[in-house]
N, C-alpha and C. Protein backbone atom coordinates (compact mmCIF):
# COMPACT_ATOMS: atom_id res chain seq x y z
N MET A 1 105.08 110.96 71.19
CA MET A 1 105.76 109.72 71.63
C MET A 1 107.06 110.08 72.97
N ILE A 2 107.82 110.88 72.18
CA ILE A 2 109.04 111.22 73.06
C ILE A 2 108.62 112.09 74.46
N ASP A 3 107.50 112.90 74.55
CA ASP A 3 106.97 113.40 75.67
C ASP A 3 106.53 112.62 76.46
N THR A 4 105.82 111.41 76.04
CA THR A 4 105.29 110.33 77.14
C THR A 4 106.60 109.73 77.70
N ARG A 5 107.70 109.38 76.78
CA ARG A 5 108.70 108.81 77.48
C ARG A 5 109.53 109.46 78.25
N ILE A 6 109.58 111.00 78.13
CA ILE A 6 110.18 111.82 79.14
C ILE A 6 109.44 111.71 80.41
N ALA A 7 108.14 111.70 80.29
CA ALA A 7 107.12 111.80 81.32
C ALA A 7 107.18 110.41 82.23
N THR A 8 107.32 109.44 81.57
CA THR A 8 107.59 108.30 82.08
C THR A 8 108.82 108.14 83.04
N LEU A 9 109.96 108.56 82.66
CA LEU A 9 111.24 108.60 83.15
C LEU A 9 110.99 109.60 84.34
N LEU A 10 110.42 110.81 84.27
CA LEU A 10 110.26 111.60 85.42
C LEU A 10 109.52 111.10 86.49
N LEU A 11 108.21 110.29 85.91
CA LEU A 11 107.49 109.69 87.01
C LEU A 11 108.27 108.51 87.71
N GLY A 12 109.22 107.76 87.03
CA GLY A 12 109.91 106.45 87.46
C GLY A 12 110.77 107.22 88.62
N ALA A 13 111.30 108.47 88.49
CA ALA A 13 112.40 108.90 89.21
C ALA A 13 111.61 109.53 90.49
N TRP A 14 110.55 109.98 90.26
CA TRP A 14 109.64 110.33 91.54
C TRP A 14 109.14 109.22 92.48
N ILE A 15 108.58 108.13 91.74
CA ILE A 15 108.17 107.15 92.35
C ILE A 15 109.33 106.41 93.18
N GLY A 16 110.45 106.26 92.52
CA GLY A 16 111.57 105.40 93.09
C GLY A 16 112.31 106.35 94.24
N GLY A 17 112.17 107.75 93.92
CA GLY A 17 112.85 108.38 95.09
C GLY A 17 112.16 108.65 96.25
N SER A 18 110.69 108.59 96.03
CA SER A 18 109.63 108.42 97.29
C SER A 18 109.76 107.12 97.89
N VAL A 19 110.07 106.00 97.23
CA VAL A 19 110.45 104.75 97.86
C VAL A 19 111.66 104.94 98.70
N PHE A 20 112.70 105.24 98.07
CA PHE A 20 113.94 105.43 98.64
C PHE A 20 113.85 106.18 100.10
N MET A 21 113.18 107.43 99.91
CA MET A 21 113.02 108.32 101.13
C MET A 21 112.54 107.64 102.33
N ASP A 22 111.33 106.91 102.07
CA ASP A 22 110.71 106.14 103.16
C ASP A 22 111.75 105.22 103.68
N VAL A 23 112.52 104.57 102.85
CA VAL A 23 113.37 103.52 103.54
C VAL A 23 114.62 104.15 104.40
N VAL A 24 115.09 105.40 103.70
CA VAL A 24 116.20 106.21 104.23
C VAL A 24 115.76 106.64 105.73
N ALA A 25 114.44 107.20 105.81
CA ALA A 25 114.04 107.67 106.98
C ALA A 25 113.86 106.70 108.18
N THR A 26 113.33 105.45 107.94
CA THR A 26 113.27 104.40 108.73
C THR A 26 114.63 103.76 109.28
N GLN A 27 115.27 103.81 108.31
CA GLN A 27 116.92 103.25 108.48
C GLN A 27 117.50 104.48 109.30
N ASN A 28 117.24 105.39 109.44
CA ASN A 28 118.17 106.37 109.97
C ASN A 28 117.67 106.05 111.63
N PHE A 29 116.83 105.95 111.95
CA PHE A 29 116.23 105.60 113.31
C PHE A 29 116.46 104.18 113.83
N ARG A 30 116.42 103.49 113.20
CA ARG A 30 116.83 101.85 113.06
C ARG A 30 118.34 101.88 113.50
N SER A 31 119.26 102.79 113.00
CA SER A 31 120.60 102.67 112.97
C SER A 31 120.98 102.97 114.46
N VAL A 32 120.31 104.15 115.14
CA VAL A 32 120.47 104.36 116.56
C VAL A 32 120.47 103.15 117.43
N ASP A 33 119.46 102.53 117.17
CA ASP A 33 119.15 101.20 118.20
C ASP A 33 120.24 100.24 117.80
N ARG A 34 120.58 100.07 116.57
CA ARG A 34 121.41 99.13 116.16
C ARG A 34 122.96 99.26 116.77
N THR A 35 123.21 100.84 116.84
CA THR A 35 124.68 101.14 117.36
C THR A 35 124.78 101.00 118.88
N LEU A 36 123.42 101.34 119.40
CA LEU A 36 123.44 101.37 120.91
C LEU A 36 123.49 99.79 121.47
N ALA A 37 122.77 98.77 120.53
CA ALA A 37 122.69 97.45 120.79
C ALA A 37 124.04 96.67 121.25
N SER A 38 125.00 97.14 120.34
CA SER A 38 126.33 96.58 120.37
C SER A 38 127.41 97.56 119.86
N PRO A 39 127.63 98.47 120.72
CA PRO A 39 128.66 99.36 120.40
C PRO A 39 130.27 98.96 120.55
N PRO A 40 130.90 99.23 119.68
CA PRO A 40 132.43 98.81 120.10
C PRO A 40 132.86 99.46 121.47
N ALA A 41 133.91 98.88 121.64
CA ALA A 41 134.22 99.43 122.98
C ALA A 41 134.62 101.00 123.20
N PRO A 42 135.25 101.60 122.35
CA PRO A 42 135.29 103.09 122.21
C PRO A 42 134.02 103.92 122.14
N VAL A 43 133.24 103.38 121.60
CA VAL A 43 132.01 103.92 121.45
C VAL A 43 131.15 103.68 122.78
N ALA A 44 131.20 102.59 123.26
CA ALA A 44 130.58 102.32 124.70
C ALA A 44 131.09 103.30 125.62
N GLU A 45 132.47 103.51 125.50
CA GLU A 45 132.92 104.39 126.59
C GLU A 45 132.41 105.80 126.59
N ARG A 46 132.38 106.10 125.43
CA ARG A 46 131.62 107.51 125.18
C ARG A 46 130.34 107.48 125.58
N ILE A 47 129.41 106.42 125.43
CA ILE A 47 128.22 106.41 125.78
C ILE A 47 128.15 106.56 127.19
N ARG A 48 129.00 105.81 127.87
CA ARG A 48 129.01 105.96 129.25
C ARG A 48 129.42 107.35 129.92
N ALA A 49 130.36 107.86 129.21
CA ALA A 49 130.60 109.26 129.65
C ALA A 49 129.65 110.31 129.20
N MET A 50 128.90 110.12 128.23
CA MET A 50 127.71 111.01 127.77
C MET A 50 126.41 110.91 128.98
N GLY A 51 126.47 110.04 129.54
CA GLY A 51 125.44 109.83 130.76
C GLY A 51 124.77 108.50 130.42
N GLY A 52 125.22 107.64 129.76
CA GLY A 52 124.68 106.24 129.53
C GLY A 52 123.54 106.14 128.29
N HIS A 53 123.11 104.97 128.13
CA HIS A 53 122.28 104.49 127.04
C HIS A 53 121.27 105.54 126.63
N ASP A 54 120.36 105.64 127.63
CA ASP A 54 119.37 106.63 127.40
C ASP A 54 119.62 108.06 127.19
N ALA A 55 120.92 108.70 127.67
CA ALA A 55 121.01 109.89 127.12
C ALA A 55 121.69 109.84 125.79
N ALA A 56 122.48 108.85 125.18
CA ALA A 56 123.01 108.63 124.07
C ALA A 56 122.06 108.28 123.04
N ARG A 57 120.99 107.47 123.19
CA ARG A 57 119.58 107.43 122.58
C ARG A 57 119.08 108.84 122.15
N THR A 58 118.72 109.44 123.38
CA THR A 58 118.08 110.76 123.06
C THR A 58 118.83 111.58 122.14
N PHE A 59 120.22 111.82 122.23
CA PHE A 59 121.07 112.50 121.18
C PHE A 59 121.24 111.88 119.85
N LEU A 60 121.47 110.63 119.77
CA LEU A 60 121.30 110.01 118.40
C LEU A 60 120.03 109.98 117.54
N ARG A 61 119.15 110.00 118.60
CA ARG A 61 117.88 110.05 117.76
C ARG A 61 117.56 111.48 117.32
N TYR A 62 117.86 112.40 118.10
CA TYR A 62 117.92 113.87 117.70
C TYR A 62 118.79 114.05 116.59
N GLN A 63 119.94 113.49 116.45
CA GLN A 63 120.63 113.66 115.03
C GLN A 63 119.95 112.87 113.77
N ALA A 64 119.44 111.85 114.13
CA ALA A 64 118.55 110.96 113.01
C ALA A 64 117.34 112.12 112.61
N SER A 65 116.65 112.69 113.49
CA SER A 65 115.57 113.41 113.40
C SER A 65 116.00 114.62 112.44
N GLU A 66 116.88 115.33 112.76
CA GLU A 66 117.42 116.50 111.98
C GLU A 66 117.96 115.83 110.50
N GLN A 67 118.75 114.68 110.44
CA GLN A 67 118.82 114.28 109.22
C GLN A 67 117.68 113.99 108.19
N ASN A 68 116.63 113.35 108.86
CA ASN A 68 115.52 113.20 108.18
C ASN A 68 114.87 114.75 107.70
N ARG A 69 114.77 115.47 108.65
CA ARG A 69 114.19 116.80 108.50
C ARG A 69 114.83 117.55 107.20
N ARG A 70 116.09 117.47 107.16
CA ARG A 70 116.77 118.02 105.99
C ARG A 70 116.39 117.35 104.57
N TYR A 71 116.48 116.06 104.79
CA TYR A 71 116.05 115.04 103.56
C TYR A 71 115.05 115.13 103.16
N PHE A 72 113.77 115.35 104.10
CA PHE A 72 112.61 115.47 103.63
C PHE A 72 112.25 116.94 102.82
N ALA A 73 113.11 117.73 103.56
CA ALA A 73 112.76 119.39 102.86
C ALA A 73 113.32 119.12 101.51
N ALA A 74 114.51 118.76 101.40
CA ALA A 74 115.17 118.50 100.01
C ALA A 74 114.22 117.65 99.06
N TRP A 75 113.82 116.90 99.68
CA TRP A 75 112.99 115.64 98.58
C TRP A 75 111.63 116.42 98.12
N GLU A 76 110.99 117.08 99.10
CA GLU A 76 109.85 117.95 98.77
C GLU A 76 110.11 118.96 97.64
N ASN A 77 111.19 119.68 97.97
CA ASN A 77 111.46 120.83 97.00
C ASN A 77 111.71 120.09 95.49
N THR A 78 112.53 118.84 95.44
CA THR A 78 112.76 118.23 94.18
C THR A 78 111.41 117.76 93.47
N GLN A 79 110.64 116.94 94.33
CA GLN A 79 109.41 116.62 93.93
C GLN A 79 108.54 117.82 93.46
N ILE A 80 108.45 118.83 93.88
CA ILE A 80 107.99 120.15 93.17
C ILE A 80 108.35 120.28 92.09
N VAL A 81 109.87 120.51 91.75
CA VAL A 81 110.10 120.38 90.46
C VAL A 81 109.87 119.32 89.45
N LEU A 82 110.12 117.97 89.93
CA LEU A 82 109.62 116.85 89.42
C LEU A 82 108.08 116.86 88.60
N ALA A 83 107.32 117.50 89.49
CA ALA A 83 106.06 117.83 89.03
C ALA A 83 105.57 118.75 88.21
N LEU A 84 106.49 119.84 88.12
CA LEU A 84 106.31 120.92 86.89
C LEU A 84 106.79 120.50 85.66
N LEU A 85 107.82 119.51 85.86
CA LEU A 85 108.56 118.88 84.72
C LEU A 85 107.47 118.02 84.03
N LEU A 86 107.29 117.16 84.95
CA LEU A 86 106.00 116.27 84.62
C LEU A 86 104.93 116.69 83.76
N ILE A 87 104.12 117.66 84.53
CA ILE A 87 103.12 118.30 83.57
C ILE A 87 103.90 118.99 82.60
N GLY A 88 104.80 119.66 82.40
CA GLY A 88 105.48 120.35 81.17
C GLY A 88 105.60 119.32 80.20
N ALA A 89 106.06 117.91 80.51
CA ALA A 89 106.30 117.00 79.48
C ALA A 89 105.03 116.53 79.16
N LEU A 90 103.72 116.26 79.96
CA LEU A 90 102.53 115.68 79.54
C LEU A 90 101.42 116.69 78.69
N ILE A 91 101.84 117.95 78.82
CA ILE A 91 100.89 118.95 78.27
C ILE A 91 100.79 118.63 76.48
N PRO A 92 102.10 118.52 76.02
CA PRO A 92 101.93 118.12 74.47
C PRO A 92 101.44 116.85 73.98
N ALA A 93 101.26 115.89 75.14
CA ALA A 93 101.14 114.72 74.75
C ALA A 93 99.69 114.53 75.51
N ASP A 94 98.95 115.49 75.56
CA ASP A 94 97.65 115.73 76.21
C ASP A 94 96.25 115.10 75.51
N GLN A 95 96.53 114.65 74.52
CA GLN A 95 95.43 114.02 73.55
C GLN A 95 94.88 112.63 73.95
N ARG A 96 95.52 112.12 75.46
CA ARG A 96 95.41 110.93 75.87
C ARG A 96 94.20 111.18 76.63
N GLY A 97 93.87 112.21 77.07
CA GLY A 97 92.37 112.65 77.89
C GLY A 97 93.07 113.35 79.14
N ARG A 98 91.82 113.63 79.97
CA ARG A 98 92.27 114.27 81.21
C ARG A 98 93.03 113.92 82.18
N VAL A 99 92.83 112.40 82.16
CA VAL A 99 93.47 111.51 83.54
C VAL A 99 95.18 111.86 83.18
N THR A 100 95.50 112.14 82.09
CA THR A 100 97.09 112.33 81.86
C THR A 100 97.65 113.81 82.49
N LEU A 101 96.90 114.65 82.49
CA LEU A 101 97.34 115.86 83.62
C LEU A 101 96.64 116.13 84.71
N LEU A 102 95.34 115.31 85.14
CA LEU A 102 94.82 115.45 86.36
C LEU A 102 95.47 114.78 87.49
N LEU A 103 96.18 113.70 87.13
CA LEU A 103 97.06 112.98 88.18
C LEU A 103 98.29 113.82 88.75
N PRO A 104 99.17 114.01 87.83
CA PRO A 104 99.98 114.85 88.19
C PRO A 104 99.94 116.28 88.91
N THR A 105 98.92 116.80 88.37
CA THR A 105 98.47 118.01 89.02
C THR A 105 97.96 117.65 90.41
N LEU A 106 97.41 116.65 90.59
CA LEU A 106 96.75 116.06 92.07
C LEU A 106 98.09 115.72 92.79
N MET A 107 98.93 115.32 92.37
CA MET A 107 100.27 114.86 93.07
C MET A 107 101.11 116.14 93.41
N LEU A 108 101.02 117.19 92.54
CA LEU A 108 101.66 118.67 92.69
C LEU A 108 100.82 119.25 93.90
N VAL A 109 99.71 119.36 93.78
CA VAL A 109 98.82 119.96 94.86
C VAL A 109 99.19 119.29 96.25
N THR A 110 99.23 118.05 96.35
CA THR A 110 99.54 117.09 97.57
C THR A 110 100.84 117.56 98.23
N ILE A 111 101.52 117.42 97.46
CA ILE A 111 102.81 117.84 97.80
C ILE A 111 103.21 119.26 98.20
N LEU A 112 102.67 120.21 97.53
CA LEU A 112 102.67 121.49 98.05
C LEU A 112 101.82 121.59 99.40
N ALA A 113 100.85 120.95 99.72
CA ALA A 113 100.32 121.03 100.88
C ALA A 113 101.12 120.31 101.98
N MET A 114 101.83 119.32 101.52
CA MET A 114 102.76 118.59 102.48
C MET A 114 103.87 119.33 102.98
N HIS A 115 104.50 120.06 101.80
CA HIS A 115 105.60 120.93 102.02
C HIS A 115 105.33 122.35 102.85
N TYR A 116 104.34 122.97 102.40
CA TYR A 116 103.85 124.31 102.92
C TYR A 116 103.06 124.27 104.45
N TRP A 117 102.47 123.11 104.70
CA TRP A 117 101.62 123.17 105.77
C TRP A 117 101.96 122.06 106.76
N LEU A 118 102.25 120.83 106.34
CA LEU A 118 102.31 119.54 107.31
C LEU A 118 103.69 119.53 107.75
N THR A 119 104.79 119.47 106.75
CA THR A 119 106.17 119.59 107.25
C THR A 119 106.69 120.66 108.19
N PRO A 120 106.17 121.99 107.94
CA PRO A 120 106.67 122.72 109.07
C PRO A 120 105.95 122.49 110.51
N GLU A 121 104.80 121.97 110.48
CA GLU A 121 104.30 121.83 111.61
C GLU A 121 104.97 120.43 112.28
N ILE A 122 105.10 119.47 111.37
CA ILE A 122 105.77 118.14 112.04
C ILE A 122 107.24 118.55 112.37
N VAL A 123 107.94 119.25 111.63
CA VAL A 123 109.35 119.79 112.42
C VAL A 123 109.25 120.65 113.63
N ARG A 124 108.17 121.52 113.51
CA ARG A 124 108.22 122.22 114.78
C ARG A 124 107.61 121.22 116.08
N MET A 125 107.23 120.45 116.02
CA MET A 125 106.43 119.80 117.00
C MET A 125 107.46 118.36 117.35
N GLY A 126 108.21 118.32 116.12
CA GLY A 126 109.31 117.24 116.37
C GLY A 126 110.64 117.69 117.26
N ARG A 127 110.67 118.76 117.10
CA ARG A 127 111.83 119.51 117.67
C ARG A 127 111.55 119.68 119.28
N ALA A 128 110.30 120.00 119.57
CA ALA A 128 109.83 120.04 120.85
C ALA A 128 109.70 118.90 121.44
N LEU A 129 109.62 117.59 120.75
CA LEU A 129 109.58 116.40 121.15
C LEU A 129 111.05 115.55 121.53
N ASP A 130 111.87 116.25 120.68
CA ASP A 130 113.29 115.72 120.87
C ASP A 130 113.75 115.79 122.16
N PHE A 131 113.59 116.85 122.88
CA PHE A 131 113.83 117.14 124.26
C PHE A 131 112.86 117.72 125.07
N PRO A 132 111.80 116.80 125.58
CA PRO A 132 110.51 117.07 125.92
C PRO A 132 110.57 117.73 127.35
N SER A 133 109.65 118.68 127.46
CA SER A 133 109.48 119.48 128.92
C SER A 133 108.24 118.63 129.68
N PRO A 134 108.66 118.22 131.00
CA PRO A 134 107.58 117.62 131.54
C PRO A 134 106.18 118.24 131.40
N GLY A 135 105.21 117.49 131.35
CA GLY A 135 103.85 117.66 131.51
C GLY A 135 103.12 118.11 130.14
N ARG A 136 103.92 118.32 129.24
CA ARG A 136 103.52 118.76 127.74
C ARG A 136 103.71 117.85 126.54
N ALA A 137 104.67 116.81 127.06
CA ALA A 137 104.95 115.51 126.10
C ALA A 137 103.80 114.93 125.48
N ALA A 138 103.01 114.50 126.38
CA ALA A 138 101.81 113.71 125.88
C ALA A 138 100.98 114.52 124.90
N VAL A 139 100.55 115.49 125.11
CA VAL A 139 99.64 116.57 124.43
C VAL A 139 100.49 116.77 122.98
N ASP A 140 101.69 117.14 122.99
CA ASP A 140 102.45 117.29 121.91
C ASP A 140 102.67 115.84 120.93
N ASN A 141 103.04 114.91 121.83
CA ASN A 141 103.19 113.63 121.11
C ASN A 141 101.89 113.10 120.18
N THR A 142 100.65 113.20 120.93
CA THR A 142 99.60 112.77 120.06
C THR A 142 99.41 113.59 118.86
N ARG A 143 99.47 115.03 119.06
CA ARG A 143 99.18 115.73 117.81
C ARG A 143 100.32 115.46 116.87
N PHE A 144 101.80 115.45 117.20
CA PHE A 144 102.56 114.99 116.32
C PHE A 144 102.11 113.98 115.39
N TRP A 145 101.99 112.63 116.15
CA TRP A 145 101.60 111.59 115.37
C TRP A 145 100.28 111.58 114.55
N ILE A 146 99.43 112.44 114.98
CA ILE A 146 98.24 112.97 114.18
C ILE A 146 98.83 113.40 112.76
N PHE A 147 99.60 114.55 113.18
CA PHE A 147 100.40 114.99 111.62
C PHE A 147 101.13 114.19 110.86
N HIS A 148 102.00 113.28 111.43
CA HIS A 148 102.78 112.31 110.83
C HIS A 148 101.87 111.23 109.97
N GLY A 149 100.78 110.75 110.96
CA GLY A 149 99.99 109.98 110.12
C GLY A 149 99.20 110.60 109.03
N THR A 150 98.86 111.66 109.03
CA THR A 150 98.47 112.50 107.84
C THR A 150 99.24 112.52 106.64
N TYR A 151 100.73 112.95 107.05
CA TYR A 151 101.94 112.82 105.95
C TYR A 151 101.62 111.67 105.34
N SER A 152 101.95 110.73 106.09
CA SER A 152 101.87 109.45 105.54
C SER A 152 100.84 108.88 104.77
N ALA A 153 99.60 109.27 105.15
CA ALA A 153 98.53 108.82 104.28
C ALA A 153 98.62 109.77 102.87
N LEU A 154 98.68 110.90 102.85
CA LEU A 154 99.08 111.75 101.79
C LEU A 154 100.09 111.12 100.76
N GLU A 155 101.28 110.68 101.58
CA GLU A 155 102.11 110.25 100.83
C GLU A 155 101.91 108.67 100.09
N LEU A 156 101.28 107.84 100.64
CA LEU A 156 100.63 106.94 100.19
C LEU A 156 99.69 107.24 99.09
N ILE A 157 98.73 108.20 99.07
CA ILE A 157 97.92 108.54 98.20
C ILE A 157 98.56 109.05 97.06
N LYS A 158 99.49 109.81 97.03
CA LYS A 158 100.27 110.30 95.99
C LYS A 158 100.98 109.41 95.29
N LEU A 159 101.54 108.34 96.02
CA LEU A 159 102.21 107.38 95.31
C LEU A 159 101.33 106.42 94.70
N GLY A 160 100.09 106.35 94.94
CA GLY A 160 99.12 105.60 94.31
C GLY A 160 98.69 106.52 93.18
N TRP A 161 98.58 107.64 93.18
CA TRP A 161 98.07 108.61 91.93
C TRP A 161 99.37 108.26 90.78
N GLY A 162 100.54 108.32 91.33
CA GLY A 162 101.90 108.22 90.40
C GLY A 162 101.95 106.70 90.01
N VAL A 163 101.38 105.67 90.43
CA VAL A 163 101.43 104.43 89.78
C VAL A 163 100.41 104.34 88.99
N ALA A 164 99.28 104.97 89.33
CA ALA A 164 98.29 104.98 88.27
C ALA A 164 98.31 105.80 87.20
N LEU A 165 99.17 106.84 87.19
CA LEU A 165 99.61 107.43 86.14
C LEU A 165 100.67 106.69 85.43
N ALA A 166 101.29 105.95 85.99
CA ALA A 166 102.50 105.19 85.16
C ALA A 166 101.79 104.04 84.51
N VAL A 167 100.77 103.27 85.02
CA VAL A 167 100.07 102.39 84.34
C VAL A 167 99.28 102.94 83.20
N TRP A 168 98.71 104.18 83.36
CA TRP A 168 98.00 104.92 82.14
C TRP A 168 98.93 104.87 81.07
N LEU A 169 100.17 105.67 81.33
CA LEU A 169 101.31 106.13 80.28
C LEU A 169 101.71 104.79 79.54
N VAL A 170 101.60 103.87 80.26
CA VAL A 170 102.65 102.43 79.38
C VAL A 170 101.29 101.65 78.96
N LEU A 171 100.03 101.79 79.09
CA LEU A 171 98.90 101.34 78.35
C LEU A 171 99.29 101.37 76.73
N PRO A 172 98.91 100.40 76.11
CA PRO A 172 99.05 100.81 74.52
C PRO A 172 97.53 101.89 74.09
N ARG A 173 97.92 102.80 73.51
CA ARG A 173 97.03 103.96 73.37
C ARG A 173 95.49 103.38 72.97
N LYS A 174 95.35 102.41 72.21
CA LYS A 174 93.85 101.96 71.76
C LYS A 174 93.24 101.41 73.28
N GLN A 175 94.28 100.75 73.97
CA GLN A 175 93.36 100.34 74.95
C GLN A 175 92.92 101.47 76.09
N ARG A 176 93.75 102.66 76.16
CA ARG A 176 93.24 103.85 76.87
C ARG A 176 92.34 104.49 76.19
N ILE A 177 91.93 104.46 75.10
CA ILE A 177 90.93 105.23 74.35
C ILE A 177 89.91 104.50 74.73
N LYS A 178 89.66 102.91 74.64
CA LYS A 178 88.84 102.20 74.76
C LYS A 178 88.10 102.46 76.12
N ASP A 179 88.94 102.18 77.07
CA ASP A 179 88.50 102.18 78.67
C ASP A 179 87.97 103.64 78.83
N VAL A 180 88.25 104.72 78.17
CA VAL A 180 87.83 106.18 78.39
C VAL A 180 86.43 106.03 78.02
N LYS A 181 86.25 105.59 76.68
CA LYS A 181 84.85 105.45 75.93
C LYS A 181 83.81 104.89 76.76
N VAL A 182 84.32 103.61 77.27
CA VAL A 182 83.38 102.87 78.08
C VAL A 182 82.89 103.40 79.51
N ALA A 183 84.01 104.20 80.06
CA ALA A 183 83.74 104.73 81.19
C ALA A 183 82.77 106.14 81.38
């Protein structure tokens, strides 16, 4: 019983952290446009000195991108630790069936693929797009968005597995056993 509670707490932290990171990433980029839309007078002067709105937007978006890159790298490392702790907490509670260990294992494999394959490529391509060279931007931009879309899709799938596991863990034990025998 205590193992299930710890697992549910870890899972809640993981799901909550994932939602929080999605909000932070989008808000970092939106803050650039909000800042440039109506800057205070001293900021407007610096924007003009920097070369105008477009130059300032490029620089501020680069800064937001770098922040997001650091945040996602740290969050992915945290997710790996959370996955291992979650699986460790669920091993003693494994009498609930294979679903109990399958879903967090799938989540771990997904985050490992994201962290070691997708994220490095997204970071590399993103940095190349921050200050693009003429003629190459269109190709790199398309590939970047394919990788970004794949990352987002995997994030949603991982989140779906997390929600399914949370539901599985909070269902009364009799209901879970009945559902497994029927299936």
